[in-house]
Protein backbone atom coordinates (compact mmCIF):
# COMPACT_ATOMS: atom_id res chain seq x y z
CA MET A 1 -0.14 0.17 -0.08
CA THR A 2 0.97 3.92 -0.46
CA VAL A 3 0.97 5.48 2.32
CA ASN A 4 1.98 9.15 1.84
CA LYS A 5 2.88 9.92 5.86
CA PHE A 6 1.94 13.36 7.52
CA SER A 7 4.63 15.89 7.67
CA LEU A 8 2.80 17.64 10.68
CA PHE A 9 0.69 15.49 9.00
CA PHE A 10 1.22 15.90 4.94
CA ALA A 11 4.48 17.01 4.05
CA SER A 12 5.86 14.13 2.29
CA LEU A 13 2.08 13.59 0.38
CA LEU A 14 2.81 16.96 -0.64
CA ILE A 15 6.31 15.90 -2.23
CA ILE A 16 4.54 12.77 -4.10
CA LEU A 17 1.72 14.40 -4.88
CA LEU A 18 2.20 14.23 -9.24
CA SER A 19 -1.00 16.28 -9.57
CA TYR A 20 -0.82 19.95 -10.19
CA LEU A 21 -4.07 21.90 -10.10
CA PHE A 22 -4.14 24.55 -12.55
CA VAL A 23 -7.48 26.61 -12.17
CA SER A 24 -8.62 28.80 -15.49
CA ARG A 25 -9.94 31.84 -14.57
CA GLU A 26 -10.52 33.93 -17.74
CA ASP A 27 -13.58 35.88 -18.06
CA ILE A 28 -14.27 35.40 -14.29
CA LYS A 29 -13.14 37.29 -10.77
CA LEU A 30 -12.68 35.11 -7.87
CA GLU A 31 -11.86 35.34 -4.62
CA VAL A 32 -8.65 32.77 -3.48
CA ILE A 33 -8.32 32.18 0.36
CA GLU A 34 -4.68 30.34 0.93
CA GLY A 35 -2.91 29.02 3.85
CA ASN A 36 -0.62 26.57 5.46
CA ILE A 37 -1.83 23.74 7.14
CA MET A 38 -0.77 19.71 7.72
CA GLY A 39 3.03 20.65 6.27
CA THR A 40 1.07 21.59 2.90
CA THR A 41 -0.27 24.50 1.72
CA TYR A 42 -4.41 25.01 0.40
CA SER A 43 -6.44 27.24 -1.42
CA VAL A 44 -10.09 28.07 -1.83
CA SER A 45 -11.06 29.72 -4.90
CA LEU A 46 -14.71 31.74 -4.75
CA ASN A 47 -16.73 33.01 -7.01
CA SER A 48 -17.90 35.63 -4.35
CA ASP A 49 -16.79 38.40 -1.92
CA ILE A 50 -17.06 37.07 1.66
CA ARG A 51 -13.81 36.10 1.42
CA ASP A 52 -12.96 37.44 4.73
CA GLU A 53 -15.87 35.76 6.43
CA LEU A 54 -14.41 32.54 5.56
CA ASP A 55 -10.71 32.47 6.22
CA SER A 56 -10.77 31.46 9.39
CA SER A 57 -13.77 29.09 9.40
CA ILE A 58 -11.97 27.00 6.61
CA PHE A 59 -8.44 27.23 8.78
CA GLU A 60 -10.14 25.49 11.81
CA ILE A 61 -11.97 22.70 9.80
CA PHE A 62 -8.45 21.53 8.58
CA ASP A 63 -6.78 21.68 11.55
CA SER A 64 -8.86 20.13 13.40
CA VAL A 65 -8.62 17.03 10.97
CA ASN A 66 -5.20 17.46 11.96
CA SER A 67 -5.68 17.46 15.40
CA ASP A 68 -7.67 13.78 14.80
CA MET A 69 -5.50 12.04 12.46
CA SER A 70 -1.85 13.09 12.06
CA THR A 71 0.62 11.06 13.46
CA TYR A 72 2.81 13.22 13.93
CA LEU A 73 1.23 15.07 16.56
CA GLU A 74 1.67 13.27 20.40
CA SER A 75 -1.86 14.73 21.04
CA SER A 76 -3.72 13.71 18.04
CA LEU A 77 -6.71 11.02 18.64
CA ILE A 78 -4.95 8.49 16.10
CA SER A 79 -1.65 8.75 17.96
CA LYS A 80 -3.99 8.14 20.90
CA VAL A 81 -5.47 5.41 19.50
CA ASN A 82 -2.27 3.81 18.68
CA LYS A 83 0.11 3.97 22.06
CA THR A 84 -3.10 2.25 23.79
CA PRO A 85 -2.50 -1.18 24.99
CA ILE A 86 -3.81 -3.83 22.33
CA ASP A 87 -7.39 -5.25 23.22
CA GLN A 88 -8.78 -1.69 24.89
CA TRP A 89 -11.17 0.44 23.07
CA VAL A 90 -10.64 3.85 22.59
CA GLN A 91 -13.45 6.79 21.97
CA VAL A 92 -13.38 8.38 19.19
CA ASN A 93 -15.58 11.04 16.87
CA ASP A 94 -17.41 10.36 13.84
CA ASN A 95 -15.00 11.87 11.61
CA PHE A 96 -12.30 8.83 12.74
CA LEU A 97 -15.17 6.17 12.47
CA GLU A 98 -15.79 7.12 8.90
CA VAL A 99 -12.37 7.18 7.45
CA LEU A 100 -11.55 4.39 9.62
CA GLY A 101 -14.67 2.65 8.33
CA TYR A 102 -13.87 3.47 4.89
CA ALA A 103 -10.26 2.36 4.97
CA GLN A 104 -11.07 -0.98 6.58
CA ASN A 105 -13.96 -1.67 3.60
CA LEU A 106 -11.65 -0.98 1.36
CA CYS A 107 -8.59 -2.71 2.66
CA TYR A 108 -11.18 -5.67 2.19
CA ILE A 109 -12.34 -5.45 -1.37
CA THR A 110 -8.39 -4.63 -2.58
CA ASN A 111 -7.36 -8.07 -0.69
CA GLY A 112 -5.38 -5.99 1.98
CA VAL A 113 -3.41 -3.96 -0.63
CA TYR A 114 -4.44 -0.85 0.69
CA ASP A 115 -4.14 -1.28 4.30
CA VAL A 116 -4.08 1.70 6.89
CA SER A 117 -2.29 -0.53 9.37
CA VAL A 118 1.07 -0.31 8.30
CA GLY A 119 1.54 2.70 9.95
CA ALA A 120 4.69 1.12 11.61
CA LEU A 121 5.87 -0.79 8.50
CA VAL A 122 5.98 2.68 6.45
CA ASN A 123 8.11 4.31 9.58
CA ARG A 124 10.56 1.61 9.52
CA TRP A 125 11.13 2.37 6.10
CA GLY A 126 11.95 5.31 7.01
CA PHE A 127 8.90 7.69 5.50
CA GLY A 128 7.79 8.43 8.57
CA SER A 129 8.39 10.68 11.84
CA ASP A 130 11.17 8.13 12.95
CA ASP A 131 14.96 8.64 11.82
CA VAL A 132 15.73 5.52 9.80
CA THR A 133 19.14 4.80 8.52
CA LYS A 134 19.28 0.93 7.56
CA LYS A 135 16.72 -1.78 6.39
CA PRO A 136 14.84 -3.83 8.39
CA THR A 137 15.82 -7.12 8.58
CA ASP A 138 14.22 -10.52 7.57
CA ALA A 139 12.74 -10.59 11.21
CA GLU A 140 11.52 -6.94 11.35
CA LEU A 141 9.80 -7.63 8.18
CA ASN A 142 8.04 -11.10 8.88
CA PHE A 143 6.78 -9.54 11.95
CA TYR A 144 5.27 -6.19 11.00
CA LYS A 145 3.61 -8.88 8.02
CA LYS A 146 2.09 -10.72 10.50
CA GLU A 147 0.67 -7.83 12.79
CA ILE A 148 -1.13 -5.66 9.74
CA GLY A 149 -4.26 -6.31 7.87
CA CYS A 150 -7.78 -5.80 7.41
CA ASP A 151 -8.52 -7.66 10.54
CA SER A 152 -6.11 -5.87 12.91
CA PHE A 153 -8.30 -3.76 14.41
CA GLU A 154 -11.95 -3.62 15.43
CA ILE A 155 -14.54 -0.87 14.98
CA ASN A 156 -17.65 -0.34 17.05
CA THR A 157 -20.11 2.30 16.04
CA ASN A 158 -22.50 1.92 18.56
CA ASN A 159 -20.73 3.31 21.10
CA ASN A 160 -17.84 5.28 19.11
CA GLU A 161 -14.78 2.82 19.82
CA VAL A 162 -11.82 1.33 18.14
CA ARG A 163 -9.37 -0.96 19.53
CA ARG A 164 -5.88 -2.84 17.85
CA ILE A 165 -6.28 -6.49 17.99
CA ASN A 166 -2.48 -6.43 16.59
CA GLU A 167 0.29 -4.76 17.12
CA ILE A 168 -0.24 -2.39 14.38
CA SER A 169 0.28 1.96 13.90
CA LEU A 170 -2.69 3.39 12.28
CA ASP A 171 -2.15 5.52 9.47
CA PHE A 172 -4.58 8.18 7.38
CA SER A 173 -1.73 9.87 5.52
CA SER A 174 -3.83 8.32 2.57
CA ILE A 175 -6.92 9.18 3.34
CA ALA A 176 -7.48 12.02 5.85
CA LYS A 177 -6.61 14.77 2.82
CA GLY A 178 -8.84 14.10 0.96
CA PHE A 179 -11.75 13.95 4.34
CA ALA A 180 -10.28 17.12 5.58
CA ILE A 181 -11.24 18.78 1.78
CA ASP A 182 -14.91 16.91 1.82
CA LYS A 183 -15.33 18.42 5.07
CA VAL A 184 -14.14 22.03 4.09
CA TYR A 185 -16.76 21.67 0.96
CA SER A 186 -19.45 20.31 2.90
CA TYR A 187 -19.22 23.65 5.13
CA LEU A 188 -19.08 26.05 1.63
CA SER A 189 -21.73 23.96 0.22
CA ASN A 190 -24.16 25.03 3.40
CA SER A 191 -23.27 28.37 2.97
CA LYS A 192 -26.12 30.66 1.12
CA GLU A 193 -23.88 33.34 0.01
CA LEU A 194 -21.60 31.01 -2.54
CA LYS A 195 -22.26 29.32 -5.39
CA ASN A 196 -19.12 28.03 -7.18
CA PHE A 197 -16.05 27.02 -5.28
CA LEU A 198 -13.31 24.98 -5.75
CA VAL A 199 -10.79 23.67 -2.65
CA GLU A 200 -7.45 22.68 -3.04
CA LEU A 201 -5.15 20.50 -0.75
CA GLY A 202 -1.96 19.32 -1.16
CA GLY A 203 -2.60 19.25 -5.12
CA GLU A 204 -5.75 17.27 -4.17
CA ILE A 205 -9.15 18.97 -5.49
CA ARG A 206 -13.16 18.94 -4.71
CA ALA A 207 -14.98 21.23 -7.28
CA THR A 208 -18.63 22.42 -8.02
CA GLN A 209 -19.18 21.56 -11.48
CA PHE A 210 -18.98 24.76 -12.82
CA LYS A 211 -17.23 28.06 -11.50
CA ASP A 212 -19.85 30.75 -12.42
CA GLY A 213 -23.39 30.34 -12.71
CA GLU A 214 -26.47 29.53 -10.04
CA THR A 215 -26.96 26.42 -7.87
CA ASN A 216 -30.13 25.10 -6.21
CA SER A 217 -29.43 22.64 -3.73
CA GLY A 218 -26.28 21.74 -5.21
CA LEU A 219 -27.60 21.08 -8.89
CA VAL A 220 -25.87 23.85 -11.70
CA LEU A 221 -28.82 25.07 -13.16
CA PHE A 222 -27.53 25.72 -16.72
CA ASN A 223 -27.07 22.83 -18.90
CA LYS A 224 -22.96 21.50 -19.85
CA ARG A 225 -23.59 23.30 -23.65
CA SER A 226 -24.11 26.84 -21.80
CA SER A 227 -21.62 29.71 -21.87
CA ASN A 228 -20.42 28.26 -17.96
CA LYS A 229 -17.36 27.45 -17.57
CA GLY A 230 -15.72 24.51 -15.44
CA TRP A 231 -13.21 24.15 -13.75
CA LYS A 232 -9.86 23.24 -15.78
CA ILE A 233 -7.73 20.72 -13.60
CA GLY A 234 -4.30 19.65 -15.12
CA VAL A 235 -2.50 16.49 -14.55
CA VAL A 236 1.47 16.96 -14.81
CA ASP A 237 4.11 14.39 -16.43
CA PRO A 238 5.80 12.09 -14.10
CA GLN A 239 8.83 12.21 -16.63
CA ASP A 240 8.75 16.64 -16.93
CA PRO A 241 6.89 17.62 -13.35
CA LYS A 242 6.67 21.33 -15.34
CA LYS A 243 4.52 19.88 -17.77
CA LEU A 244 0.71 19.50 -17.59
CA ILE A 245 0.64 16.72 -19.80
CA TYR A 246 -3.65 16.29 -19.24
CA THR A 247 -6.40 18.71 -18.28
CA PHE A 248 -10.09 17.75 -17.26
CA ASN A 249 -13.03 19.92 -16.90
CA SER A 250 -14.87 20.00 -14.11
CA GLY A 251 -17.90 20.53 -16.49
CA ASP A 252 -17.64 17.22 -17.94
CA PHE A 253 -18.88 16.02 -14.64
CA ASP A 254 -21.72 15.62 -12.10
CA SER A 255 -19.29 15.68 -9.83
CA PHE A 256 -15.55 16.33 -9.28
CA SER A 257 -12.88 15.23 -6.96
CA MET A 258 -9.71 14.52 -8.08
CA ALA A 259 -6.44 12.57 -6.48
CA THR A 260 -2.83 11.79 -7.95
CA SER A 261 -0.89 9.19 -6.20
CA GLY A 262 2.29 8.17 -7.70
CA ASP A 263 5.64 6.53 -6.48
CA TYR A 264 8.96 7.99 -7.93
CA ARG A 265 9.23 11.41 -6.06
CA ASN A 266 9.41 10.04 -2.84
CA ILE A 267 12.24 7.67 -2.04
CA ARG A 268 15.01 7.48 0.53
CA PHE A 269 18.10 5.48 0.47
CA LEU A 270 18.94 3.02 2.90
CA ASP A 271 22.35 1.25 2.59
CA GLU A 272 22.76 3.33 -0.60
CA ASP A 273 19.87 1.45 -2.35
CA GLU A 274 16.49 3.60 -3.60
CA PHE A 275 13.13 3.01 -2.39
CA SER A 276 9.67 4.11 -3.10
CA HIS A 277 7.50 5.39 -0.31
CA THR A 278 5.20 2.61 -2.16
CA ILE A 279 4.78 -0.51 0.09
CA ASN A 280 3.91 -3.74 -0.87
CA THR A 281 2.01 -5.43 1.57
CA LYS A 282 2.22 -9.19 1.37
CA THR A 283 6.35 -8.89 1.22
CA GLY A 284 6.74 -5.45 3.47
CA ASN A 285 9.32 -4.43 0.82
CA PRO A 286 8.71 -0.88 -1.10
CA LYS A 287 8.21 -1.29 -4.34
CA SER A 288 10.81 -0.04 -7.51
CA VAL A 289 11.05 3.31 -7.95
CA SER A 290 9.26 4.63 -11.59
CA LYS A 291 8.10 7.16 -13.14
CA ARG A 292 4.03 6.22 -12.96
CA SER A 293 1.15 8.09 -11.28
CA VAL A 294 -2.66 7.56 -10.97
CA SER A 295 -5.42 9.95 -10.90
CA VAL A 296 -8.77 8.97 -9.88
CA ILE A 297 -11.67 10.94 -9.96
CA ALA A 298 -14.67 10.51 -7.76
CA ASP A 299 -18.16 11.88 -6.20
CA ASN A 300 -15.64 13.11 -3.23
CA ALA A 301 -12.23 13.81 -1.97
CA MET A 302 -11.78 11.04 0.69
CA LYS A 303 -12.38 8.25 -1.91
CA ALA A 304 -10.70 9.69 -4.53
CA ASP A 305 -7.44 9.82 -2.28
CA ALA A 306 -7.75 6.74 -0.94
CA LEU A 307 -8.47 5.21 -4.64
CA ALA A 308 -5.27 6.86 -5.80
CA THR A 309 -3.45 5.11 -3.18
CA ALA A 310 -4.59 1.53 -3.84
CA LEU A 311 -4.62 1.87 -7.60
CA ASN A 312 -1.08 3.12 -7.46
CA ALA A 313 -0.09 0.17 -5.33
CA MET A 314 -0.63 -2.20 -8.10
CA ASP A 315 0.94 -3.76 -10.67
CA LEU A 316 -0.51 -1.67 -13.74
CA ILE A 317 -2.24 -4.25 -15.21
CA VAL A 318 -4.14 -5.36 -12.46
CA ALA A 319 -4.67 -1.77 -11.72
CA LEU A 320 -6.54 -0.93 -14.51
CA GLU A 321 -8.63 -4.01 -14.19
CA PHE A 322 -9.81 -3.60 -10.73
CA ALA A 323 -11.04 -0.17 -11.87
CA ASN A 324 -12.67 -1.69 -14.65
CA SER A 325 -14.26 -3.85 -11.99
CA LYS A 326 -15.21 -0.73 -9.71
CA LYS A 327 -16.29 1.59 -12.57
CA ILE A 328 -13.46 3.97 -10.82
CA LYS A 329 -12.52 6.68 -12.86
CA ALA A 330 -9.15 6.36 -13.31
CA LEU A 331 -6.33 8.01 -15.63
CA PHE A 332 -2.51 6.09 -15.42
CA LEU A 333 0.46 7.42 -16.52
CA PHE A 334 2.95 5.55 -17.57
CA GLU A 335 6.71 5.54 -18.99
CA ASP A 336 7.21 3.46 -21.84
CA GLU A 337 9.96 3.57 -24.09
CA GLU A 338 11.27 7.21 -22.36
CA SER A 339 7.90 8.54 -23.35
CA THR A 340 4.93 8.53 -20.66
CA LYS A 341 1.91 7.06 -21.81
CA ILE A 342 -1.93 7.66 -21.04
CA LEU A 343 -4.57 4.76 -20.30
CA PHE A 344 -7.59 5.43 -19.29
CA SER A 345 -10.23 2.91 -16.98
CA ASP A 346 -13.33 2.05 -18.71
CA SER A 347 -15.63 4.42 -16.69
CA LEU A 348 -13.50 7.21 -17.40
CA GLN A 349 -13.77 6.94 -21.00
CA LYS A 350 -17.66 6.84 -21.10
CA VAL A 351 -17.41 10.63 -20.07
CA LYS A 352 -17.12 13.61 -22.31
CA ILE A 353 -13.67 14.57 -22.00
């Protein structure tokens, strides 16, 4: 599984993200709220004049998710869970349960490829907060592989409790950033003064269908052939991060959230060997470094975030087959004969792009 560790929650994630937000603003005046949180930056683009009223509220939402789910904060809720003795229940909030519940379900669906219980293993490879100079031993890898798994923790939704069953550390860095975006998006959606907006955090985004035009209960009252302008979001070339290789238009989708995961930018050198941040949960070893990425479009950013991570952890053909079988909108970029190639999943090909 790819676990893009938090650096004060998300620093490493920012390094590996291959998506580059390109918001076309021609003919439309936008207010932009910007800031720093979770070890990265965020921006919220609004077709509105109430920017100042929203600034602090947006930061507080991001900061609240960070306070719950950052493994870099000793006082966070996830750190409390990870430090609580095995088999002892820990009271958590609804946000924590939602994220962990979706992550566990995706773990089962992917047969353990996506697994948020791999925090200790990822740390041991040097992609977390630990200072690592040597590769893990075979004995260490065998221990981690034995402990992690979809059933290595338990959720009690009736009492809002979770507990670790095995000696594992939970890590939400592959999903919580998307969840934070969704929380801000939900907050803005409930504002009567706001019509259209785009939320971006560390390169992942969620946007209204259009960036102008009237809306009613979240449904844009203009059809796609009108003069309404969609948000333009670009994906960079893994071989040339300064180059946009493909651009999406949010107006082509009923809902638009996008996350990108790759395995060549966040790397470590241990014992003079180069390793990708993408960990194979079956072997306990990182994947080889390659110029490859996958972007996922979903109806919310949490799903896009986790699914992009899961698909990136799979071999390319397996990932494409999985995306097709689950009707996931995915764009794959990979290196072939020193040039970048593009593959679309079936569901994304069916979208007018």
